[in-house]
Amino acid sequence: MSRAPQLVVPVQEVAEVLSDLAASNWLRESLERALLRDPVDALNDALLLASVLETQLRAVLDLAED
């Protein structure tokens, strides 16, 4: 017996980011695209991106690793 895919209702935080005029277009578009992906893959990619960006920021600011 196959089950129908679950309809995923965005959490309040998603709606807040998408409607926040102070959020960058890049962030809103990236979030919209991520919501269309497998959530595990999207989260793994987002965590990797955050890590790489943090490393880049530390290098630019000449901050030592903790």
C-alpha atoms as a PDB file:
ATOM      1  CA  MET A   1       0.000   0.000   0.000  1.00  0.00           C
ATOM      2  CA  SER A   2       1.527   3.324  -1.028  1.00  0.00           C
ATOM      3  CA  ARG A   3       0.968   6.478   0.904  1.00  0.00           C
ATOM      4  CA  ALA A   4       0.345   9.866  -0.647  1.00  0.00           C
ATOM      5  CA  PRO A   5       3.136  12.375  -0.078  1.00  0.00           C
ATOM      6  CA  GLN A   6       2.570  14.604   2.905  1.00  0.00           C
ATOM      7  CA  LEU A   7       1.756  18.222   2.242  1.00  0.00           C
ATOM      8  CA  VAL A   8       4.311  20.252   4.143  1.00  0.00           C
ATOM      9  CA  VAL A   9       2.981  23.434   5.675  1.00  0.00           C
ATOM     10  CA  PRO A  10       5.717  26.048   6.148  1.00  0.00           C
ATOM     11  CA  VAL A  11       6.510  26.854   9.737  1.00  0.00           C
ATOM     12  CA  GLN A  12       5.898  30.387  11.010  1.00  0.00           C
ATOM     13  CA  GLU A  13       9.595  31.238  10.766  1.00  0.00           C
ATOM     14  CA  VAL A  14       9.585  30.478   7.036  1.00  0.00           C
ATOM     15  CA  ALA A  15       6.636  32.793   6.469  1.00  0.00           C
ATOM     16  CA  GLU A  16       8.327  35.515   8.518  1.00  0.00           C
ATOM     17  CA  VAL A  17      11.563  35.362   6.520  1.00  0.00           C
ATOM     18  CA  LEU A  18       9.754  35.305   3.177  1.00  0.00           C
ATOM     19  CA  SER A  19       7.672  38.351   4.109  1.00  0.00           C
ATOM     20  CA  ASP A  20      10.486  40.302   5.781  1.00  0.00           C
ATOM     21  CA  LEU A  21      11.385  43.257   3.576  1.00  0.00           C
ATOM     22  CA  ALA A  22      14.691  43.576   5.435  1.00  0.00           C
ATOM     23  CA  ALA A  23      15.714  40.063   4.355  1.00  0.00           C
ATOM     24  CA  SER A  24      17.859  40.043   1.251  1.00  0.00           C
ATOM     25  CA  ASN A  25      16.454  38.866  -2.054  1.00  0.00           C
ATOM     26  CA  TRP A  26      19.187  36.217  -2.080  1.00  0.00           C
ATOM     27  CA  LEU A  27      18.031  34.835   1.274  1.00  0.00           C
ATOM     28  CA  ARG A  28      14.342  34.787   0.349  1.00  0.00           C
ATOM     29  CA  GLU A  29      15.015  33.190  -3.056  1.00  0.00           C
ATOM     30  CA  SER A  30      17.383  30.628  -1.541  1.00  0.00           C
ATOM     31  CA  LEU A  31      14.815  29.704   1.101  1.00  0.00           C
ATOM     32  CA  GLU A  32      12.063  29.345  -1.495  1.00  0.00           C
ATOM     33  CA  ARG A  33      14.269  27.070  -3.603  1.00  0.00           C
ATOM     34  CA  ALA A  34      15.401  25.059  -0.568  1.00  0.00           C
ATOM     35  CA  LEU A  35      11.780  24.372   0.383  1.00  0.00           C
ATOM     36  CA  LEU A  36      11.328  22.564  -2.943  1.00  0.00           C
ATOM     37  CA  ARG A  37      14.207  20.183  -2.179  1.00  0.00           C
ATOM     38  CA  ASP A  38      14.533  17.164   0.028  1.00  0.00           C
ATOM     39  CA  PRO A  39      14.712  18.772   3.509  1.00  0.00           C
ATOM     40  CA  VAL A  40      17.662  16.640   4.639  1.00  0.00           C
ATOM     41  CA  ASP A  41      19.708  17.528   1.547  1.00  0.00           C
ATOM     42  CA  ALA A  42      18.736  21.203   1.833  1.00  0.00           C
ATOM     43  CA  LEU A  43      19.776  21.360   5.483  1.00  0.00           C
ATOM     44  CA  ASN A  44      23.065  19.551   4.868  1.00  0.00           C
ATOM     45  CA  ASP A  45      23.916  21.954   2.056  1.00  0.00           C
ATOM     46  CA  ALA A  46      22.928  24.985   4.161  1.00  0.00           C
ATOM     47  CA  LEU A  47      25.085  23.830   7.072  1.00  0.00           C
ATOM     48  CA  LEU A  48      28.054  23.289   4.768  1.00  0.00           C
ATOM     49  CA  LEU A  49      27.543  26.716   3.207  1.00  0.00           C
ATOM     50  CA  ALA A  50      27.359  28.348   6.651  1.00  0.00           C
ATOM     51  CA  SER A  51      30.566  26.606   7.696  1.00  0.00           C
ATOM     52  CA  VAL A  52      32.435  27.669   4.552  1.00  0.00           C
ATOM     53  CA  LEU A  53      31.195  31.250   4.913  1.00  0.00           C
ATOM     54  CA  GLU A  54      32.235  31.337   8.568  1.00  0.00           C
ATOM     55  CA  THR A  55      35.708  30.114   7.632  1.00  0.00           C
ATOM     56  CA  GLN A  56      35.914  32.783   4.920  1.00  0.00           C
ATOM     57  CA  LEU A  57      34.789  35.479   7.363  1.00  0.00           C
ATOM     58  CA  ARG A  58      37.370  34.400   9.936  1.00  0.00           C
ATOM     59  CA  ALA A  59      40.079  34.547   7.270  1.00  0.00           C
ATOM     60  CA  VAL A  60      38.988  37.994   6.076  1.00  0.00           C
ATOM     61  CA  LEU A  61      38.893  39.342   9.638  1.00  0.00           C
ATOM     62  CA  ASP A  62      42.080  37.496  10.559  1.00  0.00           C
ATOM     63  CA  LEU A  63      40.376  35.752  13.470  1.00  0.00           C
ATOM     64  CA  ALA A  64      41.903  32.687  15.091  1.00  0.00           C
ATOM     65  CA  GLU A  65      39.971  29.426  15.124  1.00  0.00           C
ATOM     66  CA  ASP A  66      38.352  28.576  18.466  1.00  0.00           C
END
